Amino acid sequence: MKIKVKDNCPLNNFESCKQFECAWFTSVRGKNSNTGEEVDDYGCAIAWLPLLTINSAMQQSQTGSAIESFRNEMVKANEKSIKVLAQASKVKAIK
């Protein structure tokens, strides 16, 4: 079921949307992160905020995952470096 939203503007005393006469009537292009479908539509910037906020949160989550993976790889590399340095110091101490 698709809900039909009334075309009224809270910034204009709930009169009809002025669309292209309003600076907040903008074009948004991209992919809907909820449905995966392509979006290429005009609408009120205020009405776009929930969709853009969800998209931003998903991007932040992906960034956090990438940083965590990078951190884990750096920890492994540092552990290997410490082992190599420890072995090198033992070999040097024996001579």
N, C-alpha and C. Protein backbone atom coordinates (compact mmCIF):
# COMPACT_ATOMS: atom_id res chain seq x y z
N MET A 1 0.84 -1.17 0.00
CA MET A 1 0.00 0.00 0.00
C MET A 1 0.89 1.24 0.00
N LYS A 2 0.65 2.12 -0.92
CA LYS A 2 1.42 3.35 -0.99
C LYS A 2 0.55 4.49 -0.47
N ILE A 3 1.10 5.24 0.45
CA ILE A 3 0.37 6.36 1.05
C ILE A 3 0.57 7.61 0.20
N LYS A 4 -0.49 8.27 -0.11
CA LYS A 4 -0.43 9.52 -0.87
C LYS A 4 -0.36 10.68 0.13
N VAL A 5 0.73 11.41 0.07
CA VAL A 5 0.95 12.54 0.97
C VAL A 5 0.35 13.79 0.35
N LYS A 6 -0.31 14.59 1.18
CA LYS A 6 -0.89 15.84 0.68
C LYS A 6 0.23 16.79 0.24
N ASP A 7 -0.01 17.52 -0.80
CA ASP A 7 0.98 18.42 -1.38
C ASP A 7 0.85 19.80 -0.76
N ASN A 8 1.11 19.88 0.54
CA ASN A 8 1.04 21.18 1.21
C ASN A 8 2.36 21.46 1.92
N CYS A 9 2.64 22.73 2.11
CA CYS A 9 3.94 23.13 2.62
C CYS A 9 3.81 23.76 4.01
N PRO A 10 4.46 23.20 5.01
CA PRO A 10 4.41 23.80 6.35
C PRO A 10 5.13 25.15 6.42
N LEU A 11 6.00 25.42 5.45
CA LEU A 11 6.71 26.69 5.42
C LEU A 11 5.88 27.80 4.77
N ASN A 12 4.79 27.41 4.11
CA ASN A 12 3.94 28.35 3.39
C ASN A 12 2.50 28.25 3.89
N ASN A 13 2.33 28.20 5.20
CA ASN A 13 1.01 28.11 5.84
C ASN A 13 0.16 26.97 5.30
N PHE A 14 0.79 25.85 5.00
CA PHE A 14 0.14 24.64 4.51
C PHE A 14 -0.65 24.85 3.22
N GLU A 15 -0.21 25.80 2.42
CA GLU A 15 -0.78 25.97 1.08
C GLU A 15 -0.06 24.99 0.15
N SER A 16 -0.53 24.90 -1.09
CA SER A 16 0.08 23.97 -2.05
C SER A 16 1.56 24.29 -2.25
N CYS A 17 2.32 23.23 -2.51
CA CYS A 17 3.75 23.37 -2.76
C CYS A 17 3.98 24.22 -4.00
N LYS A 18 4.95 25.14 -3.92
CA LYS A 18 5.27 26.02 -5.05
C LYS A 18 6.23 25.35 -6.03
N GLN A 19 6.69 24.18 -5.68
CA GLN A 19 7.62 23.38 -6.48
C GLN A 19 8.81 24.19 -6.99
N PHE A 20 8.93 24.42 -8.27
CA PHE A 20 10.13 25.04 -8.83
C PHE A 20 10.30 26.50 -8.45
N GLU A 21 9.31 27.10 -7.85
CA GLU A 21 9.44 28.48 -7.35
C GLU A 21 10.09 28.50 -5.97
N CYS A 22 10.24 27.34 -5.37
CA CYS A 22 10.81 27.23 -4.02
C CYS A 22 12.27 26.76 -4.12
N ALA A 23 13.14 27.41 -3.35
CA ALA A 23 14.56 27.05 -3.37
C ALA A 23 14.80 25.67 -2.76
N TRP A 24 13.87 25.17 -1.95
CA TRP A 24 14.04 23.88 -1.29
C TRP A 24 13.53 22.72 -2.13
N PHE A 25 12.96 23.01 -3.27
CA PHE A 25 12.49 21.96 -4.17
C PHE A 25 13.68 21.51 -5.00
N THR A 26 14.24 20.35 -4.68
CA THR A 26 15.52 19.94 -5.25
C THR A 26 15.43 18.57 -5.91
N SER A 27 16.41 18.30 -6.72
CA SER A 27 16.53 16.99 -7.38
C SER A 27 17.44 16.09 -6.56
N VAL A 28 17.02 14.84 -6.42
CA VAL A 28 17.85 13.85 -5.74
C VAL A 28 18.01 12.67 -6.68
N ARG A 29 19.27 12.26 -6.88
CA ARG A 29 19.58 11.10 -7.72
C ARG A 29 20.45 10.15 -6.93
N GLY A 30 20.19 8.89 -7.10
CA GLY A 30 20.98 7.88 -6.42
C GLY A 30 20.20 6.61 -6.25
N LYS A 31 20.55 5.85 -5.23
CA LYS A 31 19.92 4.57 -4.98
C LYS A 31 19.24 4.61 -3.62
N ASN A 32 17.98 4.20 -3.58
CA ASN A 32 17.24 4.12 -2.32
C ASN A 32 17.83 2.98 -1.51
N SER A 33 18.41 3.29 -0.36
CA SER A 33 19.08 2.27 0.44
C SER A 33 18.09 1.30 1.08
N ASN A 34 16.82 1.65 1.16
CA ASN A 34 15.82 0.73 1.71
C ASN A 34 15.37 -0.30 0.69
N THR A 35 15.16 0.13 -0.56
CA THR A 35 14.61 -0.76 -1.58
C THR A 35 15.63 -1.18 -2.62
N GLY A 36 16.71 -0.42 -2.78
CA GLY A 36 17.72 -0.70 -3.78
C GLY A 36 17.38 -0.14 -5.15
N GLU A 37 16.23 0.47 -5.30
CA GLU A 37 15.84 1.01 -6.61
C GLU A 37 16.46 2.38 -6.84
N GLU A 38 16.65 2.71 -8.11
CA GLU A 38 17.23 4.00 -8.48
C GLU A 38 16.23 5.12 -8.20
N VAL A 39 16.74 6.24 -7.71
CA VAL A 39 15.92 7.41 -7.43
C VAL A 39 16.42 8.55 -8.31
N ASP A 40 15.52 9.17 -9.04
CA ASP A 40 15.82 10.36 -9.84
C ASP A 40 14.54 11.17 -9.85
N ASP A 41 14.39 12.01 -8.83
CA ASP A 41 13.11 12.68 -8.64
C ASP A 41 13.33 14.05 -8.00
N TYR A 42 12.34 14.90 -8.16
CA TYR A 42 12.34 16.20 -7.49
C TYR A 42 11.43 16.11 -6.28
N GLY A 43 11.76 16.88 -5.25
CA GLY A 43 10.93 16.93 -4.06
C GLY A 43 11.46 17.97 -3.10
N CYS A 44 10.73 18.16 -2.04
CA CYS A 44 11.11 19.12 -1.00
C CYS A 44 12.31 18.59 -0.23
N ALA A 45 13.27 19.45 0.01
CA ALA A 45 14.47 19.06 0.75
C ALA A 45 14.12 18.54 2.14
N ILE A 46 13.11 19.10 2.75
CA ILE A 46 12.70 18.63 4.07
C ILE A 46 12.14 17.22 3.98
N ALA A 47 11.40 16.93 2.92
CA ALA A 47 10.84 15.60 2.74
C ALA A 47 11.92 14.56 2.43
N TRP A 48 13.03 15.00 1.83
CA TRP A 48 14.12 14.08 1.51
C TRP A 48 14.94 13.72 2.74
N LEU A 49 14.87 14.50 3.81
CA LEU A 49 15.75 14.31 4.96
C LEU A 49 15.73 12.89 5.55
N PRO A 50 14.57 12.27 5.77
CA PRO A 50 14.61 10.91 6.34
C PRO A 50 15.37 9.92 5.45
N LEU A 51 15.14 9.97 4.15
CA LEU A 51 15.83 9.07 3.23
C LEU A 51 17.33 9.33 3.24
N LEU A 52 17.73 10.59 3.22
CA LEU A 52 19.15 10.93 3.21
C LEU A 52 19.82 10.60 4.54
N THR A 53 19.08 10.72 5.63
CA THR A 53 19.63 10.38 6.95
C THR A 53 19.89 8.88 7.05
N ILE A 54 18.96 8.08 6.55
CA ILE A 54 19.14 6.62 6.54
C ILE A 54 20.34 6.26 5.69
N ASN A 55 20.46 6.87 4.53
CA ASN A 55 21.59 6.60 3.64
C ASN A 55 22.91 6.98 4.31
N SER A 56 22.93 8.11 4.98
CA SER A 56 24.14 8.56 5.67
C SER A 56 24.52 7.58 6.78
N ALA A 57 23.54 7.10 7.52
CA ALA A 57 23.81 6.15 8.61
C ALA A 57 24.38 4.85 8.05
N MET A 58 23.87 4.40 6.91
CA MET A 58 24.40 3.18 6.30
C MET A 58 25.84 3.37 5.84
N GLN A 59 26.14 4.54 5.28
CA GLN A 59 27.50 4.83 4.85
C GLN A 59 28.45 4.87 6.04
N GLN A 60 28.00 5.45 7.15
CA GLN A 60 28.84 5.51 8.34
C GLN A 60 29.10 4.11 8.89
N SER A 61 28.10 3.25 8.83
CA SER A 61 28.27 1.87 9.29
C SER A 61 29.30 1.14 8.43
N GLN A 62 29.23 1.33 7.12
CA GLN A 62 30.20 0.70 6.23
C GLN A 62 31.60 1.25 6.47
N THR A 63 31.71 2.54 6.73
CA THR A 63 33.00 3.15 7.02
C THR A 63 33.57 2.57 8.31
N GLY A 64 32.71 2.42 9.33
CA GLY A 64 33.15 1.83 10.59
C GLY A 64 33.67 0.41 10.41
N SER A 65 32.99 -0.37 9.57
CA SER A 65 33.43 -1.74 9.30
C SER A 65 34.78 -1.76 8.60
N ALA A 66 34.96 -0.85 7.65
CA ALA A 66 36.23 -0.79 6.92
C ALA A 66 37.37 -0.39 7.87
N ILE A 67 37.11 0.54 8.75
CA ILE A 67 38.14 0.97 9.71
C ILE A 67 38.49 -0.17 10.66
N GLU A 68 37.49 -0.92 11.09
CA GLU A 68 37.74 -2.05 11.98
C GLU A 68 38.58 -3.12 11.29
N SER A 69 38.29 -3.40 10.02
CA SER A 69 39.08 -4.37 9.27
C SER A 69 40.53 -3.89 9.12
N PHE A 70 40.69 -2.60 8.82
CA PHE A 70 42.03 -2.04 8.69
C PHE A 70 42.78 -2.14 10.01
N ARG A 71 42.10 -1.84 11.10
CA ARG A 71 42.71 -1.92 12.43
C ARG A 71 43.19 -3.34 12.71
N ASN A 72 42.33 -4.33 12.41
CA ASN A 72 42.70 -5.72 12.66
C ASN A 72 43.93 -6.13 11.85
N GLU A 73 44.02 -5.68 10.61
CA GLU A 73 45.19 -5.99 9.79
C GLU A 73 46.44 -5.31 10.34
N MET A 74 46.29 -4.10 10.84
CA MET A 74 47.44 -3.39 11.42
C MET A 74 47.91 -4.08 12.71
N VAL A 75 46.99 -4.59 13.51
CA VAL A 75 47.37 -5.31 14.73
C VAL A 75 48.17 -6.55 14.36
N LYS A 76 47.70 -7.30 13.35
CA LYS A 76 48.44 -8.49 12.92
C LYS A 76 49.84 -8.12 12.43
N ALA A 77 49.94 -7.07 11.64
CA ALA A 77 51.25 -6.65 11.11
C ALA A 77 52.17 -6.21 12.25
N ASN A 78 51.63 -5.51 13.23
CA ASN A 78 52.45 -5.07 14.36
C ASN A 78 52.93 -6.25 15.19
N GLU A 79 52.07 -7.25 15.37
CA GLU A 79 52.47 -8.44 16.13
C GLU A 79 53.62 -9.16 15.42
N LYS A 80 53.54 -9.26 14.08
CA LYS A 80 54.62 -9.90 13.32
C LYS A 80 55.90 -9.09 13.44
N SER A 81 55.80 -7.76 13.38
CA SER A 81 56.99 -6.91 13.51
C SER A 81 57.63 -7.07 14.88
N ILE A 82 56.84 -7.17 15.91
CA ILE A 82 57.37 -7.35 17.27
C ILE A 82 58.11 -8.68 17.38
N LYS A 83 57.55 -9.73 16.78
CA LYS A 83 58.21 -11.05 16.82
C LYS A 83 59.54 -11.02 16.07
N VAL A 84 59.55 -10.37 14.90
CA VAL A 84 60.78 -10.27 14.13
C VAL A 84 61.83 -9.48 14.91
N LEU A 85 61.44 -8.38 15.51
CA LEU A 85 62.39 -7.57 16.29
C LEU A 85 62.88 -8.33 17.52
N ALA A 86 62.02 -9.09 18.16
CA ALA A 86 62.43 -9.88 19.32
C ALA A 86 63.44 -10.94 18.92
N GLN A 87 63.21 -11.62 17.79
CA GLN A 87 64.16 -12.62 17.32
C GLN A 87 65.48 -11.97 16.91
N ALA A 88 65.41 -10.82 16.28
CA ALA A 88 66.62 -10.13 15.86
C ALA A 88 67.44 -9.71 17.07
N SER A 89 66.79 -9.27 18.13
CA SER A 89 67.53 -8.85 19.32
C SER A 89 68.17 -10.05 20.02
N LYS A 90 67.56 -11.24 19.96
CA LYS A 90 68.14 -12.44 20.54
C LYS A 90 69.38 -12.88 19.76
N VAL A 91 69.28 -12.80 18.44
CA VAL A 91 70.42 -13.20 17.59
C VAL A 91 71.59 -12.25 17.85
N LYS A 92 71.32 -10.97 17.98
CA LYS A 92 72.36 -9.98 18.21
C LYS A 92 72.98 -10.17 19.60
N ALA A 93 72.17 -10.54 20.58
CA ALA A 93 72.67 -10.71 21.94
C ALA A 93 73.59 -11.93 22.04
N ILE A 94 73.36 -12.95 21.22
CA ILE A 94 74.17 -14.15 21.26
C ILE A 94 75.57 -13.91 20.72
N LYS A 95 75.70 -13.07 19.72
CA LYS A 95 77.02 -12.80 19.10
C LYS A 95 77.88 -12.10 20.04
